[in-house]
Amino acid sequence: MAEVEALAEVRYASAAELPTAVAGADVLFMWDFLSSALVDAWPAARQLQWIHQAAAGVDKVLLPEVVASDVVVTNSRNVFDQAIAEYVLGLVLSFAKDFPRTLELQREHTWQHRDSEMIAGKQAVVVGVGPIGRATARLLRAAGLRVRGVGRTARTGDEDFGDVLASSDLLQVLPGADYVVVAAPLTPATRGMFDAAAFDAMQPTARFVNIGRGEIVVQDEMVEALVTERIAGAALDVFEEEPLPADSPLWEMPNVVVSPHMSADFIGWLDVLADVFVDNFTRWHAGQSLRNVVDKQLGYVAS
């Protein structure tokens, strides 16, 4: 932050200190991307012109008051695309090759031969066709999967997905999926998108992967689908409540992979996030256009 400190007064604040620190500030850099501290701090943010979120998702800062204001919101788009895509491919391979069971048998000193699945020729449905969804689609296709995309609106001739189906057609595309990957942002349109009806539409051999936001899934209804074997498994990096409570049944399910919201976090990611803000701040200070401006009505960078 040295470059920013040379150009402006910088105040560092905890969540509790934010209402005081943001008073009179022009710019707010939300380093803790899971923090909801802006809710209490917003009444003091009367001079604020710009909020930058150190994440791709901006749901924590898109308060109704922020959406209705003239405050510009930017995000850290494109930082996490490849890392998340690699994580998703790793999860797909883990399911197909049954790596968790292999490691379990190794710890038991048990030699148990099994056949594994091929992923070539399988179909993946990627819900969310932004940069993260696109990077995921490219990597899955390179591994031999057939990939379909689901976005806000339908279109043809997409360079990464071919035909993109509208989210309103989700229930029609799910039955053909071997893997369903959620890479969408959390918006009013995606909240609760994966409910009992969506899981009922999947084939019983399908695996569900969520690296988007936990609130896109009705978690209790997903658990029910897993318990009743309406779907074969799930790999979950995000949850309705984080950290995942110790009494959640998801911890103990043999067909579930639980990870602590880490799919995007590669070695060195914090430095990259800081660099994105510093670059945008120098642009803002020079009166230039900001990068990664979020459409506050849509909830993401529209492009």
C-alpha atoms as a PDB file:
ATOM      1  CA  MET A   1       0.000   0.000   0.000  1.00  0.00           C
ATOM      2  CA  ALA A   2       3.044   2.302  -0.007  1.00  0.00           C
ATOM      3  CA  GLU A   3       2.080   3.756  -3.382  1.00  0.00           C
ATOM      4  CA  VAL A   4      -1.389   4.618  -2.097  1.00  0.00           C
ATOM      5  CA  GLU A   5      -0.027   6.013   1.165  1.00  0.00           C
ATOM      6  CA  ALA A   6       2.132   8.408  -0.877  1.00  0.00           C
ATOM      7  CA  LEU A   7      -0.966   9.838  -2.531  1.00  0.00           C
ATOM      8  CA  ALA A   8      -3.589   9.840   0.209  1.00  0.00           C
ATOM      9  CA  GLU A   9      -4.292   9.607   3.909  1.00  0.00           C
ATOM     10  CA  VAL A  10      -4.880   5.902   4.559  1.00  0.00           C
ATOM     11  CA  ARG A  11      -6.802   4.652   7.586  1.00  0.00           C
ATOM     12  CA  TYR A  12      -6.680   0.964   8.515  1.00  0.00           C
ATOM     13  CA  ALA A  13      -9.679  -0.235  10.476  1.00  0.00           C
ATOM     14  CA  SER A  14     -11.209  -3.345  11.970  1.00  0.00           C
ATOM     15  CA  ALA A  15     -14.907  -4.022  11.451  1.00  0.00           C
ATOM     16  CA  ALA A  16     -15.709  -2.368  14.777  1.00  0.00           C
ATOM     17  CA  GLU A  17     -13.610   0.692  13.884  1.00  0.00           C
ATOM     18  CA  LEU A  18     -15.037   1.134  10.379  1.00  0.00           C
ATOM     19  CA  PRO A  19     -17.930   3.521  11.265  1.00  0.00           C
ATOM     20  CA  THR A  20     -15.393   5.972  12.662  1.00  0.00           C
ATOM     21  CA  ALA A  21     -12.701   5.428  10.047  1.00  0.00           C
ATOM     22  CA  VAL A  22     -14.993   5.783   7.017  1.00  0.00           C
ATOM     23  CA  ALA A  23     -16.269   9.204   8.079  1.00  0.00           C
ATOM     24  CA  GLY A  24     -14.894  11.725   5.589  1.00  0.00           C
ATOM     25  CA  ALA A  25     -13.287   9.022   3.423  1.00  0.00           C
ATOM     26  CA  ASP A  26     -13.530   9.124  -0.363  1.00  0.00           C
ATOM     27  CA  VAL A  27     -12.571   5.493  -1.011  1.00  0.00           C
ATOM     28  CA  LEU A  28     -13.236   2.273   0.872  1.00  0.00           C
ATOM     29  CA  PHE A  29     -11.090  -0.793   0.209  1.00  0.00           C
ATOM     30  CA  MET A  30     -12.948  -3.810   1.641  1.00  0.00           C
ATOM     31  CA  TRP A  31     -10.023  -6.159   2.219  1.00  0.00           C
ATOM     32  CA  ASP A  32     -12.109  -8.650   4.229  1.00  0.00           C
ATOM     33  CA  PHE A  33     -14.396  -9.820   1.451  1.00  0.00           C
ATOM     34  CA  LEU A  34     -16.660 -11.753   3.837  1.00  0.00           C
ATOM     35  CA  SER A  35     -17.217  -8.816   6.185  1.00  0.00           C
ATOM     36  CA  SER A  36     -20.653  -7.238   6.528  1.00  0.00           C
ATOM     37  CA  ALA A  37     -19.199  -4.287   8.453  1.00  0.00           C
ATOM     38  CA  LEU A  38     -20.453  -1.794   5.866  1.00  0.00           C
ATOM     39  CA  VAL A  39     -24.002  -2.266   7.158  1.00  0.00           C
ATOM     40  CA  ASP A  40     -23.200  -0.430  10.390  1.00  0.00           C
ATOM     41  CA  ALA A  41     -20.664   1.923   8.800  1.00  0.00           C
ATOM     42  CA  TRP A  42     -22.796   3.160   5.891  1.00  0.00           C
ATOM     43  CA  PRO A  43     -24.525   6.045   7.752  1.00  0.00           C
ATOM     44  CA  ALA A  44     -21.081   7.570   8.363  1.00  0.00           C
ATOM     45  CA  ALA A  45     -19.938   7.137   4.745  1.00  0.00           C
ATOM     46  CA  ARG A  46     -21.443  10.394   3.500  1.00  0.00           C
ATOM     47  CA  GLN A  47     -18.380  11.440   1.475  1.00  0.00           C
ATOM     48  CA  LEU A  48     -17.718   8.027  -0.070  1.00  0.00           C
ATOM     49  CA  GLN A  49     -17.259   7.945  -3.855  1.00  0.00           C
ATOM     50  CA  TRP A  50     -15.895   4.466  -4.506  1.00  0.00           C
ATOM     51  CA  ILE A  51     -15.858   1.015  -2.873  1.00  0.00           C
ATOM     52  CA  HIS A  52     -13.408  -1.650  -3.998  1.00  0.00           C
ATOM     53  CA  GLN A  53     -13.977  -5.269  -2.966  1.00  0.00           C
ATOM     54  CA  ALA A  54     -11.024  -7.660  -2.642  1.00  0.00           C
ATOM     55  CA  ALA A  55     -13.021 -10.460  -4.251  1.00  0.00           C
ATOM     56  CA  ALA A  56     -14.969 -11.286  -7.386  1.00  0.00           C
ATOM     57  CA  GLY A  57     -18.283 -11.387  -5.499  1.00  0.00           C
ATOM     58  CA  VAL A  58     -19.627  -8.068  -4.221  1.00  0.00           C
ATOM     59  CA  ASP A  59     -22.787  -9.239  -2.460  1.00  0.00           C
ATOM     60  CA  LYS A  60     -21.471  -8.133   0.955  1.00  0.00           C
ATOM     61  CA  VAL A  61     -21.137  -4.485  -0.126  1.00  0.00           C
ATOM     62  CA  LEU A  62     -24.153  -4.159  -2.424  1.00  0.00           C
ATOM     63  CA  LEU A  63     -26.460  -2.894   0.281  1.00  0.00           C
ATOM     64  CA  PRO A  64     -29.711  -1.386  -1.023  1.00  0.00           C
ATOM     65  CA  GLU A  65     -28.375   2.001   0.066  1.00  0.00           C
ATOM     66  CA  VAL A  66     -25.191   1.494  -1.957  1.00  0.00           C
ATOM     67  CA  VAL A  67     -27.139   0.386  -5.032  1.00  0.00           C
ATOM     68  CA  ALA A  68     -29.343   3.480  -4.807  1.00  0.00           C
ATOM     69  CA  SER A  69     -26.368   5.818  -4.346  1.00  0.00           C
ATOM     70  CA  ASP A  70     -23.839   7.299  -6.764  1.00  0.00           C
ATOM     71  CA  VAL A  71     -20.997   5.342  -5.127  1.00  0.00           C
ATOM     72  CA  VAL A  72     -19.021   3.322  -7.693  1.00  0.00           C
ATOM     73  CA  VAL A  73     -18.307  -0.319  -6.828  1.00  0.00           C
ATOM     74  CA  THR A  74     -15.405  -2.278  -8.328  1.00  0.00           C
ATOM     75  CA  ASN A  75     -14.222  -5.835  -7.760  1.00  0.00           C
ATOM     76  CA  SER A  76     -11.135  -8.004  -8.235  1.00  0.00           C
ATOM     77  CA  ARG A  77     -12.287  -9.623 -11.433  1.00  0.00           C
ATOM     78  CA  ASN A  78      -9.900 -12.001 -13.261  1.00  0.00           C
ATOM     79  CA  VAL A  79      -7.641 -12.659 -10.264  1.00  0.00           C
ATOM     80  CA  PHE A  80      -9.148 -16.024  -9.382  1.00  0.00           C
ATOM     81  CA  ASP A  81     -10.328 -17.462 -12.694  1.00  0.00           C
ATOM     82  CA  GLN A  82      -7.573 -19.994 -13.368  1.00  0.00           C
ATOM     83  CA  ALA A  83      -7.119 -21.009  -9.736  1.00  0.00           C
ATOM     84  CA  ILE A  84     -10.808 -21.827  -9.343  1.00  0.00           C
ATOM     85  CA  ALA A  85     -10.918 -23.616 -12.704  1.00  0.00           C
ATOM     86  CA  GLU A  86      -8.020 -25.839 -11.616  1.00  0.00           C
ATOM     87  CA  TYR A  87      -9.741 -26.509  -8.299  1.00  0.00           C
ATOM     88  CA  VAL A  88     -12.943 -27.567 -10.078  1.00  0.00           C
ATOM     89  CA  LEU A  89     -11.033 -29.893 -12.404  1.00  0.00           C
ATOM     90  CA  GLY A  90      -9.323 -31.396  -9.360  1.00  0.00           C
ATOM     91  CA  LEU A  91     -12.696 -32.065  -7.745  1.00  0.00           C
ATOM     92  CA  VAL A  92     -14.072 -33.649 -10.914  1.00  0.00           C
ATOM     93  CA  LEU A  93     -11.041 -35.937 -11.107  1.00  0.00           C
ATOM     94  CA  SER A  94     -11.322 -36.719  -7.390  1.00  0.00           C
ATOM     95  CA  PHE A  95     -14.887 -37.928  -7.896  1.00  0.00           C
ATOM     96  CA  ALA A  96     -14.127 -39.900 -11.041  1.00  0.00           C
ATOM     97  CA  LYS A  97     -10.949 -41.529  -9.728  1.00  0.00           C
ATOM     98  CA  ASP A  98     -12.253 -41.969  -6.158  1.00  0.00           C
ATOM     99  CA  PHE A  99      -9.169 -40.423  -4.570  1.00  0.00           C
ATOM    100  CA  PRO A 100     -10.765 -39.978  -1.110  1.00  0.00           C
ATOM    101  CA  ARG A 101     -11.461 -43.720  -0.875  1.00  0.00           C
ATOM    102  CA  THR A 102      -7.949 -44.554  -2.092  1.00  0.00           C
ATOM    103  CA  LEU A 103      -6.424 -42.412   0.669  1.00  0.00           C
ATOM    104  CA  GLU A 104      -8.756 -43.949   3.225  1.00  0.00           C
ATOM    105  CA  LEU A 105      -7.738 -47.465   2.198  1.00  0.00           C
ATOM    106  CA  GLN A 106      -4.076 -46.461   2.274  1.00  0.00           C
ATOM    107  CA  ARG A 107      -4.430 -45.330   5.902  1.00  0.00           C
ATOM    108  CA  GLU A 108      -6.034 -48.716   6.647  1.00  0.00           C
ATOM    109  CA  HIS A 109      -3.173 -50.576   4.855  1.00  0.00           C
ATOM    110  CA  THR A 110      -5.850 -52.176   2.657  1.00  0.00           C
ATOM    111  CA  TRP A 111      -5.109 -53.303  -0.898  1.00  0.00           C
ATOM    112  CA  GLN A 112      -8.465 -53.081  -2.673  1.00  0.00           C
ATOM    113  CA  HIS A 113      -8.542 -52.854  -6.441  1.00  0.00           C
ATOM    114  CA  ARG A 114     -11.371 -50.802  -7.964  1.00  0.00           C
ATOM    115  CA  ASP A 115     -12.270 -49.563 -11.419  1.00  0.00           C
ATOM    116  CA  SER A 116     -12.484 -45.796 -11.837  1.00  0.00           C
ATOM    117  CA  GLU A 117     -14.568 -43.596 -14.095  1.00  0.00           C
ATOM    118  CA  MET A 118     -13.452 -41.772 -17.230  1.00  0.00           C
ATOM    119  CA  ILE A 119     -14.244 -38.077 -17.479  1.00  0.00           C
ATOM    120  CA  ALA A 120     -13.713 -37.830 -21.244  1.00  0.00           C
ATOM    121  CA  GLY A 121     -17.077 -37.570 -22.938  1.00  0.00           C
ATOM    122  CA  LYS A 122     -18.960 -36.704 -19.744  1.00  0.00           C
ATOM    123  CA  GLN A 123     -21.097 -33.583 -19.725  1.00  0.00           C
ATOM    124  CA  ALA A 124     -20.613 -30.665 -17.368  1.00  0.00           C
ATOM    125  CA  VAL A 125     -23.117 -27.847 -16.932  1.00  0.00           C
ATOM    126  CA  VAL A 126     -21.466 -24.639 -15.720  1.00  0.00           C
ATOM    127  CA  VAL A 127     -23.923 -22.200 -14.164  1.00  0.00           C
ATOM    128  CA  GLY A 128     -22.404 -18.746 -14.456  1.00  0.00           C
ATOM    129  CA  VAL A 129     -20.688 -17.678 -17.674  1.00  0.00           C
ATOM    130  CA  GLY A 130     -18.476 -14.889 -16.365  1.00  0.00           C
ATOM    131  CA  PRO A 131     -14.668 -15.111 -16.289  1.00  0.00           C
ATOM    132  CA  ILE A 132     -14.592 -17.855 -13.623  1.00  0.00           C
ATOM    133  CA  GLY A 133     -17.173 -19.960 -15.440  1.00  0.00           C
ATOM    134  CA  ARG A 134     -15.352 -19.474 -18.732  1.00  0.00           C
ATOM    135  CA  ALA A 135     -11.959 -20.483 -17.340  1.00  0.00           C
ATOM    136  CA  THR A 136     -13.622 -23.538 -15.811  1.00  0.00           C
ATOM    137  CA  ALA A 137     -15.299 -24.444 -19.086  1.00  0.00           C
ATOM    138  CA  ARG A 138     -12.032 -24.174 -21.017  1.00  0.00           C
ATOM    139  CA  LEU A 139     -10.169 -26.418 -18.582  1.00  0.00           C
ATOM    140  CA  LEU A 140     -12.946 -29.027 -18.424  1.00  0.00           C
ATOM    141  CA  ARG A 141     -13.145 -29.112 -22.212  1.00  0.00           C
ATOM    142  CA  ALA A 142      -9.372 -29.552 -22.418  1.00  0.00           C
ATOM    143  CA  ALA A 143      -9.775 -32.597 -20.144  1.00  0.00           C
ATOM    144  CA  GLY A 144     -12.298 -34.102 -22.548  1.00  0.00           C
ATOM    145  CA  LEU A 145     -15.630 -33.122 -21.042  1.00  0.00           C
ATOM    146  CA  ARG A 146     -18.493 -31.669 -23.024  1.00  0.00           C
ATOM    147  CA  VAL A 147     -19.540 -28.359 -21.451  1.00  0.00           C
ATOM    148  CA  ARG A 148     -22.768 -26.379 -21.554  1.00  0.00           C
ATOM    149  CA  GLY A 149     -23.247 -22.956 -20.000  1.00  0.00           C
ATOM    150  CA  VAL A 150     -26.179 -21.383 -18.190  1.00  0.00           C
ATOM    151  CA  GLY A 151     -26.313 -17.595 -17.949  1.00  0.00           C
ATOM    152  CA  ARG A 152     -28.731 -14.757 -17.431  1.00  0.00           C
ATOM    153  CA  THR A 153     -29.782 -14.758 -21.074  1.00  0.00           C
ATOM    154  CA  ALA A 154     -29.579 -17.328 -23.859  1.00  0.00           C
ATOM    155  CA  ARG A 155     -27.272 -16.852 -26.830  1.00  0.00           C
ATOM    156  CA  THR A 156     -25.581 -18.865 -29.546  1.00  0.00           C
ATOM    157  CA  GLY A 157     -22.042 -18.960 -30.900  1.00  0.00           C
ATOM    158  CA  ASP A 158     -20.299 -18.358 -27.576  1.00  0.00           C
ATOM    159  CA  GLU A 159     -16.549 -18.989 -27.883  1.00  0.00           C
ATOM    160  CA  ASP A 160     -16.312 -21.019 -24.667  1.00  0.00           C
ATOM    161  CA  PHE A 161     -19.743 -22.625 -24.348  1.00  0.00           C
ATOM    162  CA  GLY A 162     -21.188 -22.735 -27.861  1.00  0.00           C
ATOM    163  CA  ASP A 163     -24.830 -22.233 -26.946  1.00  0.00           C
ATOM    164  CA  VAL A 164     -25.555 -20.587 -23.605  1.00  0.00           C
ATOM    165  CA  LEU A 165     -28.913 -21.440 -22.085  1.00  0.00           C
ATOM    166  CA  ALA A 166     -30.929 -18.964 -20.037  1.00  0.00           C
ATOM    167  CA  SER A 167     -31.186 -19.535 -16.299  1.00  0.00           C
ATOM    168  CA  SER A 168     -34.942 -19.902 -16.796  1.00  0.00           C
ATOM    169  CA  ASP A 169     -34.152 -23.124 -18.698  1.00  0.00           C
ATOM    170  CA  LEU A 170     -32.006 -24.586 -15.897  1.00  0.00           C
ATOM    171  CA  LEU A 171     -34.351 -27.479 -15.136  1.00  0.00           C
ATOM    172  CA  GLN A 172     -34.288 -28.510 -18.791  1.00  0.00           C
ATOM    173  CA  VAL A 173     -30.483 -28.750 -19.008  1.00  0.00           C
ATOM    174  CA  LEU A 174     -29.770 -30.432 -15.654  1.00  0.00           C
ATOM    175  CA  PRO A 175     -30.991 -33.956 -16.557  1.00  0.00           C
ATOM    176  CA  GLY A 176     -28.133 -34.434 -19.044  1.00  0.00           C
ATOM    177  CA  ALA A 177     -25.360 -33.331 -16.682  1.00  0.00           C
ATOM    178  CA  ASP A 178     -22.789 -35.627 -15.105  1.00  0.00           C
ATOM    179  CA  TYR A 179     -21.266 -32.672 -13.266  1.00  0.00           C
ATOM    180  CA  VAL A 180     -23.040 -29.440 -12.306  1.00  0.00           C
ATOM    181  CA  VAL A 181     -20.700 -26.573 -11.441  1.00  0.00           C
ATOM    182  CA  VAL A 182     -21.985 -23.379  -9.816  1.00  0.00           C
ATOM    183  CA  ALA A 183     -19.763 -20.418 -10.707  1.00  0.00           C
ATOM    184  CA  ALA A 184     -22.406 -17.692 -10.573  1.00  0.00           C
ATOM    185  CA  PRO A 185     -22.378 -14.580  -8.376  1.00  0.00           C
ATOM    186  CA  LEU A 186     -24.926 -14.202  -5.608  1.00  0.00           C
ATOM    187  CA  THR A 187     -27.706 -11.928  -6.850  1.00  0.00           C
ATOM    188  CA  PRO A 188     -31.455 -11.782  -6.222  1.00  0.00           C
ATOM    189  CA  ALA A 189     -31.850 -13.916  -9.362  1.00  0.00           C
ATOM    190  CA  THR A 190     -29.453 -16.664  -8.210  1.00  0.00           C
ATOM    191  CA  ARG A 191     -30.302 -16.792  -4.491  1.00  0.00           C
ATOM    192  CA  GLY A 192     -31.881 -20.190  -3.813  1.00  0.00           C
ATOM    193  CA  MET A 193     -31.535 -21.242  -7.468  1.00  0.00           C
ATOM    194  CA  PHE A 194     -30.577 -24.786  -6.502  1.00  0.00           C
ATOM    195  CA  ASP A 195     -33.527 -26.070  -4.535  1.00  0.00           C
ATOM    196  CA  ALA A 196     -35.310 -29.427  -4.354  1.00  0.00           C
ATOM    197  CA  ALA A 197     -36.689 -28.993  -7.868  1.00  0.00           C
ATOM    198  CA  ALA A 198     -33.192 -28.498  -9.289  1.00  0.00           C
ATOM    199  CA  PHE A 199     -31.770 -31.531  -7.491  1.00  0.00           C
ATOM    200  CA  ASP A 200     -34.793 -33.607  -8.545  1.00  0.00           C
ATOM    201  CA  ALA A 201     -34.023 -32.674 -12.159  1.00  0.00           C
ATOM    202  CA  MET A 202     -30.501 -34.131 -11.973  1.00  0.00           C
ATOM    203  CA  GLN A 203     -29.712 -37.733 -12.727  1.00  0.00           C
ATOM    204  CA  PRO A 204     -28.850 -39.887  -9.678  1.00  0.00           C
ATOM    205  CA  THR A 205     -25.253 -40.285 -10.892  1.00  0.00           C
ATOM    206  CA  ALA A 206     -24.638 -36.515 -11.085  1.00  0.00           C
ATOM    207  CA  ARG A 207     -22.101 -34.695  -8.895  1.00  0.00           C
ATOM    208  CA  PHE A 208     -22.689 -31.130  -7.731  1.00  0.00           C
ATOM    209  CA  VAL A 209     -19.816 -28.637  -7.306  1.00  0.00           C
ATOM    210  CA  ASN A 210     -20.332 -25.197  -5.747  1.00  0.00           C
ATOM    211  CA  ILE A 211     -17.531 -22.641  -5.832  1.00  0.00           C
ATOM    212  CA  GLY A 212     -19.902 -19.656  -6.198  1.00  0.00           C
ATOM    213  CA  ARG A 213     -21.783 -18.638  -3.071  1.00  0.00           C
ATOM    214  CA  GLY A 214     -23.458 -20.803  -0.452  1.00  0.00           C
ATOM    215  CA  GLU A 215     -26.742 -18.907  -0.591  1.00  0.00           C
ATOM    216  CA  ILE A 216     -27.255 -19.940  -4.221  1.00  0.00           C
ATOM    217  CA  VAL A 217     -28.154 -23.358  -2.783  1.00  0.00           C
ATOM    218  CA  VAL A 218     -31.000 -24.227  -0.431  1.00  0.00           C
ATOM    219  CA  GLN A 219     -28.666 -26.220   1.774  1.00  0.00           C
ATOM    220  CA  ASP A 220     -31.228 -28.356   3.633  1.00  0.00           C
ATOM    221  CA  GLU A 221     -32.773 -29.452   0.339  1.00  0.00           C
ATOM    222  CA  MET A 222     -29.335 -30.332  -1.039  1.00  0.00           C
ATOM    223  CA  VAL A 223     -28.624 -32.419   2.067  1.00  0.00           C
ATOM    224  CA  GLU A 224     -31.912 -34.241   1.551  1.00  0.00           C
ATOM    225  CA  ALA A 225     -31.015 -34.947  -2.081  1.00  0.00           C
ATOM    226  CA  LEU A 226     -27.667 -36.388  -0.975  1.00  0.00           C
ATOM    227  CA  VAL A 227     -29.172 -38.506   1.821  1.00  0.00           C
ATOM    228  CA  THR A 228     -31.847 -39.957  -0.459  1.00  0.00           C
ATOM    229  CA  GLU A 229     -29.256 -40.494  -3.246  1.00  0.00           C
ATOM    230  CA  ARG A 230     -31.120 -38.326  -5.721  1.00  0.00           C
ATOM    231  CA  ILE A 231     -27.630 -37.088  -6.609  1.00  0.00           C
ATOM    232  CA  ALA A 232     -24.381 -39.047  -6.257  1.00  0.00           C
ATOM    233  CA  GLY A 233     -22.226 -36.489  -4.480  1.00  0.00           C
ATOM    234  CA  ALA A 234     -21.264 -32.888  -3.857  1.00  0.00           C
ATOM    235  CA  ALA A 235     -18.061 -30.869  -3.527  1.00  0.00           C
ATOM    236  CA  LEU A 236     -18.725 -27.674  -1.600  1.00  0.00           C
ATOM    237  CA  ASP A 237     -16.343 -24.775  -1.076  1.00  0.00           C
ATOM    238  CA  VAL A 238     -19.010 -22.270   0.042  1.00  0.00           C
ATOM    239  CA  PHE A 239     -21.902 -22.537   2.479  1.00  0.00           C
ATOM    240  CA  GLU A 240     -24.928 -20.667   3.819  1.00  0.00           C
ATOM    241  CA  GLU A 241     -23.027 -20.176   7.083  1.00  0.00           C
ATOM    242  CA  GLU A 242     -19.235 -19.947   7.211  1.00  0.00           C
ATOM    243  CA  PRO A 243     -17.381 -21.493   8.912  1.00  0.00           C
ATOM    244  CA  LEU A 244     -19.567 -24.545   8.410  1.00  0.00           C
ATOM    245  CA  PRO A 245     -21.059 -25.379  11.849  1.00  0.00           C
ATOM    246  CA  ALA A 246     -19.519 -28.388  13.565  1.00  0.00           C
ATOM    247  CA  ASP A 247     -22.921 -30.108  13.767  1.00  0.00           C
ATOM    248  CA  SER A 248     -23.631 -29.875  10.026  1.00  0.00           C
ATOM    249  CA  PRO A 249     -24.361 -33.313   8.532  1.00  0.00           C
ATOM    250  CA  LEU A 250     -22.209 -32.388   5.537  1.00  0.00           C
ATOM    251  CA  TRP A 251     -19.038 -33.058   7.544  1.00  0.00           C
ATOM    252  CA  GLU A 252     -19.807 -36.755   7.911  1.00  0.00           C
ATOM    253  CA  MET A 253     -21.264 -37.587   4.498  1.00  0.00           C
ATOM    254  CA  PRO A 254     -19.069 -40.041   2.564  1.00  0.00           C
ATOM    255  CA  ASN A 255     -20.172 -38.610  -0.800  1.00  0.00           C
ATOM    256  CA  VAL A 256     -19.377 -34.985   0.097  1.00  0.00           C
ATOM    257  CA  VAL A 257     -16.144 -32.979  -0.089  1.00  0.00           C
ATOM    258  CA  VAL A 258     -16.082 -29.968   2.260  1.00  0.00           C
ATOM    259  CA  SER A 259     -13.426 -27.293   1.791  1.00  0.00           C
ATOM    260  CA  PRO A 260     -13.136 -23.981   3.706  1.00  0.00           C
ATOM    261  CA  HIS A 261     -13.823 -21.392   0.968  1.00  0.00           C
ATOM    262  CA  MET A 262     -10.336 -21.841  -0.491  1.00  0.00           C
ATOM    263  CA  SER A 263     -10.858 -22.701  -4.162  1.00  0.00           C
ATOM    264  CA  ALA A 264      -9.632 -19.269  -5.267  1.00  0.00           C
ATOM    265  CA  ASP A 265      -6.735 -18.901  -2.887  1.00  0.00           C
ATOM    266  CA  PHE A 266      -3.422 -19.666  -4.544  1.00  0.00           C
ATOM    267  CA  ILE A 267      -0.001 -18.925  -3.067  1.00  0.00           C
ATOM    268  CA  GLY A 268       0.555 -15.180  -3.445  1.00  0.00           C
ATOM    269  CA  TRP A 269      -3.118 -14.251  -3.929  1.00  0.00           C
ATOM    270  CA  LEU A 270      -3.115 -11.556  -1.243  1.00  0.00           C
ATOM    271  CA  ASP A 271      -0.338  -9.651  -3.002  1.00  0.00           C
ATOM    272  CA  VAL A 272      -2.228  -9.844  -6.288  1.00  0.00           C
ATOM    273  CA  LEU A 273      -5.390  -8.506  -4.642  1.00  0.00           C
ATOM    274  CA  ALA A 274      -3.457  -5.568  -3.230  1.00  0.00           C
ATOM    275  CA  ASP A 275      -1.907  -4.874  -6.640  1.00  0.00           C
ATOM    276  CA  VAL A 276      -5.364  -4.756  -8.264  1.00  0.00           C
ATOM    277  CA  PHE A 277      -6.494  -2.088  -5.809  1.00  0.00           C
ATOM    278  CA  VAL A 278      -3.278  -0.071  -6.064  1.00  0.00           C
ATOM    279  CA  ASP A 279      -3.552  -0.030  -9.856  1.00  0.00           C
ATOM    280  CA  ASN A 280      -7.170   1.117  -9.695  1.00  0.00           C
ATOM    281  CA  PHE A 281      -6.420   3.714  -7.033  1.00  0.00           C
ATOM    282  CA  THR A 282      -3.675   5.317  -9.134  1.00  0.00           C
ATOM    283  CA  ARG A 283      -6.170   5.468 -12.002  1.00  0.00           C
ATOM    284  CA  TRP A 284      -8.806   7.045  -9.749  1.00  0.00           C
ATOM    285  CA  HIS A 285      -6.308   9.553  -8.353  1.00  0.00           C
ATOM    286  CA  ALA A 286      -5.318  10.563 -11.912  1.00  0.00           C
ATOM    287  CA  GLY A 287      -8.948  10.984 -12.968  1.00  0.00           C
ATOM    288  CA  GLN A 288      -8.893   7.955 -15.270  1.00  0.00           C
ATOM    289  CA  SER A 289     -11.598   5.344 -15.718  1.00  0.00           C
ATOM    290  CA  LEU A 290     -11.681   2.575 -13.150  1.00  0.00           C
ATOM    291  CA  ARG A 291     -11.339  -1.080 -14.091  1.00  0.00           C
ATOM    292  CA  ASN A 292     -13.860  -3.756 -13.078  1.00  0.00           C
ATOM    293  CA  VAL A 293     -16.800  -1.430 -12.452  1.00  0.00           C
ATOM    294  CA  VAL A 294     -19.755  -3.428 -11.173  1.00  0.00           C
ATOM    295  CA  ASP A 295     -23.241  -2.980 -12.594  1.00  0.00           C
ATOM    296  CA  LYS A 296     -24.960  -2.492  -9.248  1.00  0.00           C
ATOM    297  CA  GLN A 297     -28.336  -3.547 -10.609  1.00  0.00           C
ATOM    298  CA  LEU A 298     -26.959  -6.851 -11.944  1.00  0.00           C
ATOM    299  CA  GLY A 299     -24.510  -7.471  -9.111  1.00  0.00           C
ATOM    300  CA  TYR A 300     -21.422  -8.113 -11.237  1.00  0.00           C
ATOM    301  CA  VAL A 301     -19.209  -6.598 -13.938  1.00  0.00           C
ATOM    302  CA  ALA A 302     -21.241  -6.714 -17.131  1.00  0.00           C
ATOM    303  CA  SER A 303     -19.242  -7.466 -20.264  1.00  0.00           C
END
